[in-house]
Amino acid sequence: MEQVKKKADWRGIIFLQAIIVIYTFSSVCGKMATNGNEFMSRMFIIYILLDFILLAVYALLWQQGLKRFDLNVAYANRSVAIIWSMVWSALIFREGITVANIIGTAIIIIGTMLVNTDAESK
């Protein structure tokens, strides 16, 4: 029995992006754990536990996303994690964004839009 996958409408894309945001926040927690916190200190453990919790939530939601959407659409949207990571690095960690970062981000956005547009037209 073949399951028909839902087209990637705007609600679906928002759902996929919410999953990706959760995934990228796990990386933020990992960096916060090591950013000025001593190994096995209270804050280190809190951030690492939060990292694991976010990854568990991400894994469960990602499986739902894979059930609902074509694999190529889901993974094209997952590539946007690089963009979210760049946003968090600038906003949370005050890291710089280079011209190369912006060019790479533009290429990723264009590719993701092409895949999502193609999925909507089918």
PDB file of N, CA and C in Angstrom:
ATOM      1  N   MET A   1       0.837  -1.171   0.000  1.00  0.00           N
ATOM      2  CA  MET A   1       0.000   0.000   0.000  1.00  0.00           C
ATOM      3  C   MET A   1       0.887   1.242   0.000  1.00  0.00           C
ATOM      4  N   GLU A   2       0.763   2.042  -1.021  1.00  0.00           N
ATOM      5  CA  GLU A   2       1.591   3.225  -1.167  1.00  0.00           C
ATOM      6  C   GLU A   2       0.903   4.430  -0.547  1.00  0.00           C
ATOM      7  N   GLN A   3       1.637   5.124   0.297  1.00  0.00           N
ATOM      8  CA  GLN A   3       1.088   6.307   0.948  1.00  0.00           C
ATOM      9  C   GLN A   3       1.348   7.528   0.062  1.00  0.00           C
ATOM     10  N   VAL A   4       0.323   8.323  -0.151  1.00  0.00           N
ATOM     11  CA  VAL A   4       0.467   9.537  -0.944  1.00  0.00           C
ATOM     12  C   VAL A   4       1.030  10.632  -0.043  1.00  0.00           C
ATOM     13  N   LYS A   5       2.130  11.223  -0.475  1.00  0.00           N
ATOM     14  CA  LYS A   5       2.760  12.285   0.307  1.00  0.00           C
ATOM     15  C   LYS A   5       2.081  13.617   0.008  1.00  0.00           C
ATOM     16  N   LYS A   6       1.968  14.415   1.036  1.00  0.00           N
ATOM     17  CA  LYS A   6       1.345  15.731   0.927  1.00  0.00           C
ATOM     18  C   LYS A   6       2.276  16.686   0.179  1.00  0.00           C
ATOM     19  N   LYS A   7       1.687  17.577  -0.605  1.00  0.00           N
ATOM     20  CA  LYS A   7       2.479  18.604  -1.272  1.00  0.00           C
ATOM     21  C   LYS A   7       3.042  19.564  -0.230  1.00  0.00           C
ATOM     22  N   ALA A   8       4.144  20.195  -0.572  1.00  0.00           N
ATOM     23  CA  ALA A   8       4.803  21.125   0.347  1.00  0.00           C
ATOM     24  C   ALA A   8       4.144  22.493   0.249  1.00  0.00           C
ATOM     25  N   ASP A   9       3.042  22.689   0.958  1.00  0.00           N
ATOM     26  CA  ASP A   9       2.407  24.001   0.996  1.00  0.00           C
ATOM     27  C   ASP A   9       3.109  24.855   2.051  1.00  0.00           C
ATOM     28  N   TRP A  10       2.663  26.079   2.227  1.00  0.00           N
ATOM     29  CA  TRP A  10       3.353  26.980   3.148  1.00  0.00           C
ATOM     30  C   TRP A  10       3.293  26.496   4.589  1.00  0.00           C
ATOM     31  N   ARG A  11       2.194  25.842   4.982  1.00  0.00           N
ATOM     32  CA  ARG A  11       2.103  25.307   6.349  1.00  0.00           C
ATOM     33  C   ARG A  11       3.108  24.180   6.548  1.00  0.00           C
ATOM     34  N   GLY A  12       3.248  23.356   5.532  1.00  0.00           N
ATOM     35  CA  GLY A  12       4.210  22.263   5.606  1.00  0.00           C
ATOM     36  C   GLY A  12       5.638  22.758   5.683  1.00  0.00           C
ATOM     37  N   ILE A  13       5.929  23.785   4.909  1.00  0.00           N
ATOM     38  CA  ILE A  13       7.279  24.351   4.934  1.00  0.00           C
ATOM     39  C   ILE A  13       7.560  24.992   6.292  1.00  0.00           C
ATOM     40  N   ILE A  14       6.575  25.659   6.871  1.00  0.00           N
ATOM     41  CA  ILE A  14       6.747  26.232   8.216  1.00  0.00           C
ATOM     42  C   ILE A  14       6.978  25.119   9.236  1.00  0.00           C
ATOM     43  N   PHE A  15       6.233  24.013   9.097  1.00  0.00           N
ATOM     44  CA  PHE A  15       6.422  22.860   9.985  1.00  0.00           C
ATOM     45  C   PHE A  15       7.850  22.328   9.865  1.00  0.00           C
ATOM     46  N   LEU A  16       8.323  22.151   8.631  1.00  0.00           N
ATOM     47  CA  LEU A  16       9.686  21.660   8.427  1.00  0.00           C
ATOM     48  C   LEU A  16      10.711  22.643   8.993  1.00  0.00           C
ATOM     49  N   GLN A  17      10.493  23.935   8.792  1.00  0.00           N
ATOM     50  CA  GLN A  17      11.437  24.922   9.309  1.00  0.00           C
ATOM     51  C   GLN A  17      11.434  24.967  10.839  1.00  0.00           C
ATOM     52  N   ALA A  18      10.283  24.766  11.452  1.00  0.00           N
ATOM     53  CA  ALA A  18      10.226  24.709  12.919  1.00  0.00           C
ATOM     54  C   ALA A  18      11.060  23.538  13.434  1.00  0.00           C
ATOM     55  N   ILE A  19      10.990  22.419  12.730  1.00  0.00           N
ATOM     56  CA  ILE A  19      11.809  21.261  13.101  1.00  0.00           C
ATOM     57  C   ILE A  19      13.290  21.610  12.980  1.00  0.00           C
ATOM     58  N   ILE A  20      13.646  22.293  11.909  1.00  0.00           N
ATOM     59  CA  ILE A  20      15.043  22.668  11.685  1.00  0.00           C
ATOM     60  C   ILE A  20      15.518  23.658  12.748  1.00  0.00           C
ATOM     61  N   VAL A  21      14.662  24.578  13.156  1.00  0.00           N
ATOM     62  CA  VAL A  21      15.027  25.529  14.214  1.00  0.00           C
ATOM     63  C   VAL A  21      15.331  24.775  15.507  1.00  0.00           C
ATOM     64  N   ILE A  22      14.516  23.785  15.833  1.00  0.00           N
ATOM     65  CA  ILE A  22      14.773  22.964  17.028  1.00  0.00           C
ATOM     66  C   ILE A  22      16.134  22.291  16.910  1.00  0.00           C
ATOM     67  N   TYR A  23      16.413  21.740  15.733  1.00  0.00           N
ATOM     68  CA  TYR A  23      17.697  21.071  15.493  1.00  0.00           C
ATOM     69  C   TYR A  23      18.866  22.043  15.683  1.00  0.00           C
ATOM     70  N   THR A  24      18.749  23.248  15.142  1.00  0.00           N
ATOM     71  CA  THR A  24      19.860  24.193  15.254  1.00  0.00           C
ATOM     72  C   THR A  24      20.030  24.717  16.675  1.00  0.00           C
ATOM     73  N   PHE A  25      18.941  24.790  17.438  1.00  0.00           N
ATOM     74  CA  PHE A  25      19.078  25.199  18.836  1.00  0.00           C
ATOM     75  C   PHE A  25      19.833  24.158  19.659  1.00  0.00           C
ATOM     76  N   SER A  26      19.811  22.903  19.226  1.00  0.00           N
ATOM     77  CA  SER A  26      20.613  21.904  19.932  1.00  0.00           C
ATOM     78  C   SER A  26      22.099  22.237  19.789  1.00  0.00           C
ATOM     79  N   SER A  27      22.494  22.730  18.625  1.00  0.00           N
ATOM     80  CA  SER A  27      23.886  23.148  18.432  1.00  0.00           C
ATOM     81  C   SER A  27      24.222  24.361  19.291  1.00  0.00           C
ATOM     82  N   VAL A  28      23.270  25.263  19.431  1.00  0.00           N
ATOM     83  CA  VAL A  28      23.468  26.430  20.290  1.00  0.00           C
ATOM     84  C   VAL A  28      23.715  25.971  21.726  1.00  0.00           C
ATOM     85  N   CYS A  29      22.921  25.006  22.181  1.00  0.00           N
ATOM     86  CA  CYS A  29      23.104  24.488  23.546  1.00  0.00           C
ATOM     87  C   CYS A  29      24.469  23.829  23.706  1.00  0.00           C
ATOM     88  N   GLY A  30      24.902  23.101  22.685  1.00  0.00           N
ATOM     89  CA  GLY A  30      26.222  22.478  22.734  1.00  0.00           C
ATOM     90  C   GLY A  30      27.327  23.510  22.853  1.00  0.00           C
ATOM     91  N   LYS A  31      27.209  24.590  22.097  1.00  0.00           N
ATOM     92  CA  LYS A  31      28.221  25.640  22.173  1.00  0.00           C
ATOM     93  C   LYS A  31      28.142  26.375  23.508  1.00  0.00           C
ATOM     94  N   MET A  32      26.933  26.616  24.004  1.00  0.00           N
ATOM     95  CA  MET A  32      26.776  27.280  25.299  1.00  0.00           C
ATOM     96  C   MET A  32      27.381  26.430  26.422  1.00  0.00           C
ATOM     97  N   ALA A  33      27.279  25.116  26.286  1.00  0.00           N
ATOM     98  CA  ALA A  33      27.827  24.225  27.311  1.00  0.00           C
ATOM     99  C   ALA A  33      29.331  24.416  27.454  1.00  0.00           C
ATOM    100  N   THR A  34      30.010  24.624  26.341  1.00  0.00           N
ATOM    101  CA  THR A  34      31.466  24.746  26.384  1.00  0.00           C
ATOM    102  C   THR A  34      31.942  26.190  26.403  1.00  0.00           C
ATOM    103  N   ASN A  35      31.037  27.123  26.273  1.00  0.00           N
ATOM    104  CA  ASN A  35      31.379  28.541  26.192  1.00  0.00           C
ATOM    105  C   ASN A  35      31.517  29.142  27.593  1.00  0.00           C
ATOM    106  N   GLY A  36      32.686  28.986  28.192  1.00  0.00           N
ATOM    107  CA  GLY A  36      32.934  29.561  29.507  1.00  0.00           C
ATOM    108  C   GLY A  36      32.480  28.704  30.677  1.00  0.00           C
ATOM    109  N   ASN A  37      31.964  27.518  30.409  1.00  0.00           N
ATOM    110  CA  ASN A  37      31.551  26.621  31.488  1.00  0.00           C
ATOM    111  C   ASN A  37      32.584  25.510  31.642  1.00  0.00           C
ATOM    112  N   GLU A  38      32.944  25.266  32.873  1.00  0.00           N
ATOM    113  CA  GLU A  38      33.892  24.203  33.143  1.00  0.00           C
ATOM    114  C   GLU A  38      33.263  22.844  32.860  1.00  0.00           C
ATOM    115  N   PHE A  39      34.073  21.898  32.388  1.00  0.00           N
ATOM    116  CA  PHE A  39      33.586  20.558  32.097  1.00  0.00           C
ATOM    117  C   PHE A  39      32.939  19.960  33.348  1.00  0.00           C
ATOM    118  N   MET A  40      31.721  19.450  33.183  1.00  0.00           N
ATOM    119  CA  MET A  40      30.916  18.820  34.231  1.00  0.00           C
ATOM    120  C   MET A  40      30.435  19.794  35.305  1.00  0.00           C
ATOM    121  N   SER A  41      30.511  21.089  35.023  1.00  0.00           N
ATOM    122  CA  SER A  41      29.918  22.055  35.949  1.00  0.00           C
ATOM    123  C   SER A  41      28.396  21.985  35.821  1.00  0.00           C
ATOM    124  N   ARG A  42      27.719  22.648  36.723  1.00  0.00           N
ATOM    125  CA  ARG A  42      26.247  22.614  36.721  1.00  0.00           C
ATOM    126  C   ARG A  42      25.680  23.132  35.394  1.00  0.00           C
ATOM    127  N   MET A  43      26.172  24.276  34.922  1.00  0.00           N
ATOM    128  CA  MET A  43      25.670  24.854  33.671  1.00  0.00           C
ATOM    129  C   MET A  43      26.037  23.988  32.469  1.00  0.00           C
ATOM    130  N   PHE A  44      27.218  23.394  32.494  1.00  0.00           N
ATOM    131  CA  PHE A  44      27.623  22.491  31.417  1.00  0.00           C
ATOM    132  C   PHE A  44      26.625  21.342  31.303  1.00  0.00           C
ATOM    133  N   ILE A  45      26.297  20.734  32.421  1.00  0.00           N
ATOM    134  CA  ILE A  45      25.363  19.600  32.429  1.00  0.00           C
ATOM    135  C   ILE A  45      23.968  20.040  31.988  1.00  0.00           C
ATOM    136  N   ILE A  46      23.518  21.194  32.447  1.00  0.00           N
ATOM    137  CA  ILE A  46      22.193  21.697  32.048  1.00  0.00           C
ATOM    138  C   ILE A  46      22.128  21.890  30.535  1.00  0.00           C
ATOM    139  N   TYR A  47      23.147  22.534  29.965  1.00  0.00           N
ATOM    140  CA  TYR A  47      23.143  22.760  28.516  1.00  0.00           C
ATOM    141  C   TYR A  47      23.231  21.450  27.730  1.00  0.00           C
ATOM    142  N   ILE A  48      24.023  20.510  28.208  1.00  0.00           N
ATOM    143  CA  ILE A  48      24.137  19.222  27.510  1.00  0.00           C
ATOM    144  C   ILE A  48      22.818  18.458  27.589  1.00  0.00           C
ATOM    145  N   LEU A  49      22.167  18.478  28.747  1.00  0.00           N
ATOM    146  CA  LEU A  49      20.856  17.818  28.865  1.00  0.00           C
ATOM    147  C   LEU A  49      19.825  18.476  27.950  1.00  0.00           C
ATOM    148  N   LEU A  50      19.836  19.793  27.902  1.00  0.00           N
ATOM    149  CA  LEU A  50      18.929  20.502  27.001  1.00  0.00           C
ATOM    150  C   LEU A  50      19.233  20.154  25.543  1.00  0.00           C
ATOM    151  N   ASP A  51      20.499  20.016  25.229  1.00  0.00           N
ATOM    152  CA  ASP A  51      20.920  19.598  23.889  1.00  0.00           C
ATOM    153  C   ASP A  51      20.313  18.237  23.539  1.00  0.00           C
ATOM    154  N   PHE A  52      20.429  17.272  24.436  1.00  0.00           N
ATOM    155  CA  PHE A  52      19.871  15.932  24.197  1.00  0.00           C
ATOM    156  C   PHE A  52      18.348  15.960  24.080  1.00  0.00           C
ATOM    157  N   ILE A  53      17.702  16.753  24.918  1.00  0.00           N
ATOM    158  CA  ILE A  53      16.235  16.854  24.853  1.00  0.00           C
ATOM    159  C   ILE A  53      15.804  17.429  23.505  1.00  0.00           C
ATOM    160  N   LEU A  54      16.467  18.496  23.076  1.00  0.00           N
ATOM    161  CA  LEU A  54      16.133  19.093  21.778  1.00  0.00           C
ATOM    162  C   LEU A  54      16.369  18.109  20.637  1.00  0.00           C
ATOM    163  N   LEU A  55      17.452  17.340  20.709  1.00  0.00           N
ATOM    164  CA  LEU A  55      17.715  16.349  19.665  1.00  0.00           C
ATOM    165  C   LEU A  55      16.664  15.244  19.659  1.00  0.00           C
ATOM    166  N   ALA A  56      16.176  14.858  20.832  1.00  0.00           N
ATOM    167  CA  ALA A  56      15.122  13.837  20.898  1.00  0.00           C
ATOM    168  C   ALA A  56      13.822  14.366  20.293  1.00  0.00           C
ATOM    169  N   VAL A  57      13.466  15.598  20.638  1.00  0.00           N
ATOM    170  CA  VAL A  57      12.260  16.212  20.067  1.00  0.00           C
ATOM    171  C   VAL A  57      12.417  16.345  18.555  1.00  0.00           C
ATOM    172  N   TYR A  58      13.590  16.789  18.126  1.00  0.00           N
ATOM    173  CA  TYR A  58      13.865  16.915  16.693  1.00  0.00           C
ATOM    174  C   TYR A  58      13.700  15.573  15.983  1.00  0.00           C
ATOM    175  N   ALA A  59      14.263  14.515  16.552  1.00  0.00           N
ATOM    176  CA  ALA A  59      14.190  13.194  15.914  1.00  0.00           C
ATOM    177  C   ALA A  59      12.744  12.739  15.745  1.00  0.00           C
ATOM    178  N   LEU A  60      11.937  12.940  16.763  1.00  0.00           N
ATOM    179  CA  LEU A  60      10.523  12.546  16.677  1.00  0.00           C
ATOM    180  C   LEU A  60       9.775  13.370  15.632  1.00  0.00           C
ATOM    181  N   LEU A  61       9.989  14.673  15.639  1.00  0.00           N
ATOM    182  CA  LEU A  61       9.308  15.533  14.670  1.00  0.00           C
ATOM    183  C   LEU A  61       9.812  15.292  13.247  1.00  0.00           C
ATOM    184  N   TRP A  62      11.109  15.035  13.114  1.00  0.00           N
ATOM    185  CA  TRP A  62      11.685  14.781  11.789  1.00  0.00           C
ATOM    186  C   TRP A  62      11.070  13.531  11.163  1.00  0.00           C
ATOM    187  N   GLN A  63      10.846  12.511  11.974  1.00  0.00           N
ATOM    188  CA  GLN A  63      10.197  11.299  11.457  1.00  0.00           C
ATOM    189  C   GLN A  63       8.797  11.611  10.944  1.00  0.00           C
ATOM    190  N   GLN A  64       8.087  12.484  11.630  1.00  0.00           N
ATOM    191  CA  GLN A  64       6.762  12.895  11.161  1.00  0.00           C
ATOM    192  C   GLN A  64       6.872  13.674   9.850  1.00  0.00           C
ATOM    193  N   GLY A  65       7.882  14.510   9.758  1.00  0.00           N
ATOM    194  CA  GLY A  65       8.106  15.256   8.523  1.00  0.00           C
ATOM    195  C   GLY A  65       8.415  14.343   7.356  1.00  0.00           C
ATOM    196  N   LEU A  66       9.217  13.313   7.607  1.00  0.00           N
ATOM    197  CA  LEU A  66       9.548  12.363   6.541  1.00  0.00           C
ATOM    198  C   LEU A  66       8.328  11.566   6.106  1.00  0.00           C
ATOM    199  N   LYS A  67       7.410  11.335   7.045  1.00  0.00           N
ATOM    200  CA  LYS A  67       6.169  10.630   6.695  1.00  0.00           C
ATOM    201  C   LYS A  67       5.280  11.479   5.800  1.00  0.00           C
ATOM    202  N   ARG A  68       5.292  12.772   6.018  1.00  0.00           N
ATOM    203  CA  ARG A  68       4.362  13.668   5.327  1.00  0.00           C
ATOM    204  C   ARG A  68       4.861  14.186   3.986  1.00  0.00           C
ATOM    205  N   PHE A  69       6.172  14.270   3.811  1.00  0.00           N
ATOM    206  CA  PHE A  69       6.722  14.926   2.627  1.00  0.00           C
ATOM    207  C   PHE A  69       7.685  14.012   1.887  1.00  0.00           C
ATOM    208  N   ASP A  70       7.845  14.305   0.590  1.00  0.00           N
ATOM    209  CA  ASP A  70       8.844  13.591  -0.191  1.00  0.00           C
ATOM    210  C   ASP A  70      10.212  13.827   0.436  1.00  0.00           C
ATOM    211  N   LEU A  71      11.061  12.833   0.317  1.00  0.00           N
ATOM    212  CA  LEU A  71      12.389  12.905   0.918  1.00  0.00           C
ATOM    213  C   LEU A  71      13.189  14.089   0.370  1.00  0.00           C
ATOM    214  N   ASN A  72      13.091  14.324  -0.941  1.00  0.00           N
ATOM    215  CA  ASN A  72      13.865  15.431  -1.513  1.00  0.00           C
ATOM    216  C   ASN A  72      13.397  16.789  -0.981  1.00  0.00           C
ATOM    217  N   VAL A  73      12.117  16.938  -0.718  1.00  0.00           N
ATOM    218  CA  VAL A  73      11.596  18.195  -0.164  1.00  0.00           C
ATOM    219  C   VAL A  73      12.061  18.358   1.283  1.00  0.00           C
ATOM    220  N   ALA A  74      11.955  17.297   2.066  1.00  0.00           N
ATOM    221  CA  ALA A  74      12.360  17.367   3.474  1.00  0.00           C
ATOM    222  C   ALA A  74      13.846  17.698   3.600  1.00  0.00           C
ATOM    223  N   TYR A  75      14.690  17.023   2.820  1.00  0.00           N
ATOM    224  CA  TYR A  75      16.125  17.267   2.933  1.00  0.00           C
ATOM    225  C   TYR A  75      16.538  18.606   2.336  1.00  0.00           C
ATOM    226  N   ALA A  76      15.842  19.073   1.322  1.00  0.00           N
ATOM    227  CA  ALA A  76      16.142  20.413   0.799  1.00  0.00           C
ATOM    228  C   ALA A  76      15.862  21.459   1.870  1.00  0.00           C
ATOM    229  N   ASN A  77      14.782  21.280   2.611  1.00  0.00           N
ATOM    230  CA  ASN A  77      14.466  22.211   3.695  1.00  0.00           C
ATOM    231  C   ASN A  77      15.447  22.064   4.851  1.00  0.00           C
ATOM    232  N   ARG A  78      15.971  20.876   5.049  1.00  0.00           N
ATOM    233  CA  ARG A  78      16.946  20.659   6.121  1.00  0.00           C
ATOM    234  C   ARG A  78      18.236  21.430   5.863  1.00  0.00           C
ATOM    235  N   SER A  79      18.547  21.650   4.588  1.00  0.00           N
ATOM    236  CA  SER A  79      19.771  22.390   4.269  1.00  0.00           C
ATOM    237  C   SER A  79      19.725  23.826   4.789  1.00  0.00           C
ATOM    238  N   VAL A  80      18.540  24.314   5.071  1.00  0.00           N
ATOM    239  CA  VAL A  80      18.388  25.670   5.599  1.00  0.00           C
ATOM    240  C   VAL A  80      18.922  25.755   7.037  1.00  0.00           C
ATOM    241  N   ALA A  81      19.245  24.629   7.638  1.00  0.00           N
ATOM    242  CA  ALA A  81      19.846  24.632   8.980  1.00  0.00           C
ATOM    243  C   ALA A  81      21.115  25.478   9.004  1.00  0.00           C
ATOM    244  N   ILE A  82      21.828  25.505   7.895  1.00  0.00           N
ATOM    245  CA  ILE A  82      23.042  26.322   7.817  1.00  0.00           C
ATOM    246  C   ILE A  82      22.692  27.797   7.999  1.00  0.00           C
ATOM    247  N   ILE A  83      21.590  28.201   7.408  1.00  0.00           N
ATOM    248  CA  ILE A  83      21.164  29.601   7.523  1.00  0.00           C
ATOM    249  C   ILE A  83      20.770  29.916   8.961  1.00  0.00           C
ATOM    250  N   TRP A  84      19.958  29.041   9.565  1.00  0.00           N
ATOM    251  CA  TRP A  84      19.554  29.260  10.959  1.00  0.00           C
ATOM    252  C   TRP A  84      20.782  29.296  11.870  1.00  0.00           C
ATOM    253  N   SER A  85      21.746  28.417  11.631  1.00  0.00           N
ATOM    254  CA  SER A  85      22.962  28.409  12.451  1.00  0.00           C
ATOM    255  C   SER A  85      23.722  29.720  12.320  1.00  0.00           C
ATOM    256  N   MET A  86      23.759  30.256  11.108  1.00  0.00           N
ATOM    257  CA  MET A  86      24.428  31.535  10.895  1.00  0.00           C
ATOM    258  C   MET A  86      23.691  32.658  11.634  1.00  0.00           C
ATOM    259  N   VAL A  87      22.371  32.626  11.606  1.00  0.00           N
ATOM    260  CA  VAL A  87      21.577  33.631  12.319  1.00  0.00           C
ATOM    261  C   VAL A  87      21.851  33.547  13.817  1.00  0.00           C
ATOM    262  N   TRP A  88      21.826  32.327  14.376  1.00  0.00           N
ATOM    263  CA  TRP A  88      22.068  32.174  15.818  1.00  0.00           C
ATOM    264  C   TRP A  88      23.488  32.595  16.175  1.00  0.00           C
ATOM    265  N   SER A  89      24.466  32.267  15.314  1.00  0.00           N
ATOM    266  CA  SER A  89      25.843  32.650  15.633  1.00  0.00           C
ATOM    267  C   SER A  89      25.991  34.171  15.683  1.00  0.00           C
ATOM    268  N   ALA A  90      25.268  34.868  14.808  1.00  0.00           N
ATOM    269  CA  ALA A  90      25.338  36.335  14.811  1.00  0.00           C
ATOM    270  C   ALA A  90      24.557  36.935  15.979  1.00  0.00           C
ATOM    271  N   LEU A  91      23.344  36.438  16.215  1.00  0.00           N
ATOM    272  CA  LEU A  91      22.487  37.031  17.246  1.00  0.00           C
ATOM    273  C   LEU A  91      22.894  36.642  18.665  1.00  0.00           C
ATOM    274  N   ILE A  92      23.227  35.380  18.859  1.00  0.00           N
ATOM    275  CA  ILE A  92      23.493  34.893  20.216  1.00  0.00           C
ATOM    276  C   ILE A  92      24.963  35.031  20.593  1.00  0.00           C
ATOM    277  N   PHE A  93      25.857  34.667  19.654  1.00  0.00           N
ATOM    278  CA  PHE A  93      27.285  34.639  19.975  1.00  0.00           C
ATOM    279  C   PHE A  93      28.054  35.841  19.432  1.00  0.00           C
ATOM    280  N   ARG A  94      27.342  36.743  18.748  1.00  0.00           N
ATOM    281  CA  ARG A  94      27.949  37.960  18.202  1.00  0.00           C
ATOM    282  C   ARG A  94      29.115  37.654  17.258  1.00  0.00           C
ATOM    283  N   GLU A  95      28.992  36.575  16.489  1.00  0.00           N
ATOM    284  CA  GLU A  95      30.009  36.225  15.505  1.00  0.00           C
ATOM    285  C   GLU A  95      29.717  36.970  14.208  1.00  0.00           C
ATOM    286  N   GLY A  96      30.756  37.248  13.461  1.00  0.00           N
ATOM    287  CA  GLY A  96      30.601  38.007  12.229  1.00  0.00           C
ATOM    288  C   GLY A  96      30.036  37.175  11.083  1.00  0.00           C
ATOM    289  N   ILE A  97      29.392  37.866  10.155  1.00  0.00           N
ATOM    290  CA  ILE A  97      28.886  37.242   8.936  1.00  0.00           C
ATOM    291  C   ILE A  97      29.677  37.840   7.775  1.00  0.00           C
ATOM    292  N   THR A  98      30.297  36.973   6.980  1.00  0.00           N
ATOM    293  CA  THR A  98      31.127  37.431   5.872  1.00  0.00           C
ATOM    294  C   THR A  98      30.331  37.458   4.571  1.00  0.00           C
ATOM    295  N   VAL A  99      30.920  38.059   3.558  1.00  0.00           N
ATOM    296  CA  VAL A  99      30.304  38.081   2.229  1.00  0.00           C
ATOM    297  C   VAL A  99      30.143  36.652   1.716  1.00  0.00           C
ATOM    298  N   ALA A 100      31.136  35.813   1.962  1.00  0.00           N
ATOM    299  CA  ALA A 100      31.043  34.411   1.538  1.00  0.00           C
ATOM    300  C   ALA A 100      29.862  33.714   2.220  1.00  0.00           C
ATOM    301  N   ASN A 101      29.621  34.021   3.497  1.00  0.00           N
ATOM    302  CA  ASN A 101      28.453  33.470   4.199  1.00  0.00           C
ATOM    303  C   ASN A 101      27.159  33.877   3.513  1.00  0.00           C
ATOM    304  N   ILE A 102      27.070  35.133   3.142  1.00  0.00           N
ATOM    305  CA  ILE A 102      25.854  35.649   2.506  1.00  0.00           C
ATOM    306  C   ILE A 102      25.648  35.026   1.130  1.00  0.00           C
ATOM    307  N   ILE A 103      26.717  34.904   0.352  1.00  0.00           N
ATOM    308  CA  ILE A 103      26.607  34.271  -0.969  1.00  0.00           C
ATOM    309  C   ILE A 103      26.181  32.817  -0.826  1.00  0.00           C
ATOM    310  N   GLY A 104      26.799  32.096   0.086  1.00  0.00           N
ATOM    311  CA  GLY A 104      26.425  30.699   0.319  1.00  0.00           C
ATOM    312  C   GLY A 104      24.989  30.560   0.775  1.00  0.00           C
ATOM    313  N   THR A 105      24.569  31.457   1.639  1.00  0.00           N
ATOM    314  CA  THR A 105      23.188  31.452   2.123  1.00  0.00           C
ATOM    315  C   THR A 105      22.210  31.705   0.982  1.00  0.00           C
ATOM    316  N   ALA A 106      22.538  32.644   0.109  1.00  0.00           N
ATOM    317  CA  ALA A 106      21.670  32.940  -1.041  1.00  0.00           C
ATOM    318  C   ALA A 106      21.537  31.721  -1.946  1.00  0.00           C
ATOM    319  N   ILE A 107      22.620  31.019  -2.164  1.00  0.00           N
ATOM    320  CA  ILE A 107      22.580  29.808  -2.997  1.00  0.00           C
ATOM    321  C   ILE A 107      21.691  28.753  -2.358  1.00  0.00           C
ATOM    322  N   ILE A 108      21.803  28.584  -1.046  1.00  0.00           N
ATOM    323  CA  ILE A 108      20.971  27.601  -0.339  1.00  0.00           C
ATOM    324  C   ILE A 108      19.497  27.979  -0.427  1.00  0.00           C
ATOM    325  N   ILE A 109      19.185  29.250  -0.219  1.00  0.00           N
ATOM    326  CA  ILE A 109      17.787  29.695  -0.289  1.00  0.00           C
ATOM    327  C   ILE A 109      17.217  29.464  -1.686  1.00  0.00           C
ATOM    328  N   ILE A 110      17.978  29.809  -2.714  1.00  0.00           N
ATOM    329  CA  ILE A 110      17.508  29.607  -4.091  1.00  0.00           C
ATOM    330  C   ILE A 110      17.265  28.128  -4.360  1.00  0.00           C
ATOM    331  N   GLY A 111      18.188  27.277  -3.943  1.00  0.00           N
ATOM    332  CA  GLY A 111      18.014  25.836  -4.145  1.00  0.00           C
ATOM    333  C   GLY A 111      16.802  25.288  -3.422  1.00  0.00           C
ATOM    334  N   THR A 112      16.612  25.715  -2.190  1.00  0.00           N
ATOM    335  CA  THR A 112      15.454  25.262  -1.413  1.00  0.00           C
ATOM    336  C   THR A 112      14.154  25.739  -2.047  1.00  0.00           C
ATOM    337  N   MET A 113      14.135  26.978  -2.506  1.00  0.00           N
ATOM    338  CA  MET A 113      12.935  27.497  -3.169  1.00  0.00           C
ATOM    339  C   MET A 113      12.634  26.723  -4.452  1.00  0.00           C
ATOM    340  N   LEU A 114      13.666  26.376  -5.199  1.00  0.00           N
ATOM    341  CA  LEU A 114      13.455  25.608  -6.430  1.00  0.00           C
ATOM    342  C   LEU A 114      12.850  24.244  -6.137  1.00  0.00           C
ATOM    343  N   VAL A 115      13.377  23.563  -5.130  1.00  0.00           N
ATOM    344  CA  VAL A 115      12.848  22.241  -4.782  1.00  0.00           C
ATOM    345  C   VAL A 115      11.419  22.363  -4.278  1.00  0.00           C
ATOM    346  N   ASN A 116      11.140  23.341  -3.411  1.00  0.00           N
ATOM    347  CA  ASN A 116       9.786  23.517  -2.883  1.00  0.00           C
ATOM    348  C   ASN A 116       8.805  23.916  -3.980  1.00  0.00           C
ATOM    349  N   THR A 117       9.224  24.770  -4.904  1.00  0.00           N
ATOM    350  CA  THR A 117       8.362  25.174  -6.012  1.00  0.00           C
ATOM    351  C   THR A 117       8.056  23.984  -6.908  1.00  0.00           C
ATOM    352  N   ASP A 118       9.072  23.164  -7.174  1.00  0.00           N
ATOM    353  CA  ASP A 118       8.873  21.968  -7.993  1.00  0.00           C
ATOM    354  C   ASP A 118       7.915  21.004  -7.308  1.00  0.00           C
ATOM    355  N   ALA A 119       8.035  20.875  -5.982  1.00  0.00           N
ATOM    356  CA  ALA A 119       7.149  19.969  -5.236  1.00  0.00           C
ATOM    357  C   ALA A 119       5.710  20.477  -5.261  1.00  0.00           C
ATOM    358  N   GLU A 120       5.519  21.794  -5.213  1.00  0.00           N
ATOM    359  CA  GLU A 120       4.166  22.358  -5.235  1.00  0.00           C
ATOM    360  C   GLU A 120       3.497  22.166  -6.589  1.00  0.00           C
ATOM    361  N   SER A 121       4.296  22.141  -7.662  1.00  0.00           N
ATOM    362  CA  SER A 121       3.709  22.036  -8.997  1.00  0.00           C
ATOM    363  C   SER A 121       3.327  20.610  -9.371  1.00  0.00           C
ATOM    364  N   LYS A 122       3.773  19.635  -8.610  1.00  0.00           N
ATOM    365  CA  LYS A 122       3.454  18.230  -8.926  1.00  0.00           C
ATOM    366  C   LYS A 122       2.135  17.814  -8.350  1.00  0.00           C
TER     367      LYS A 122
END
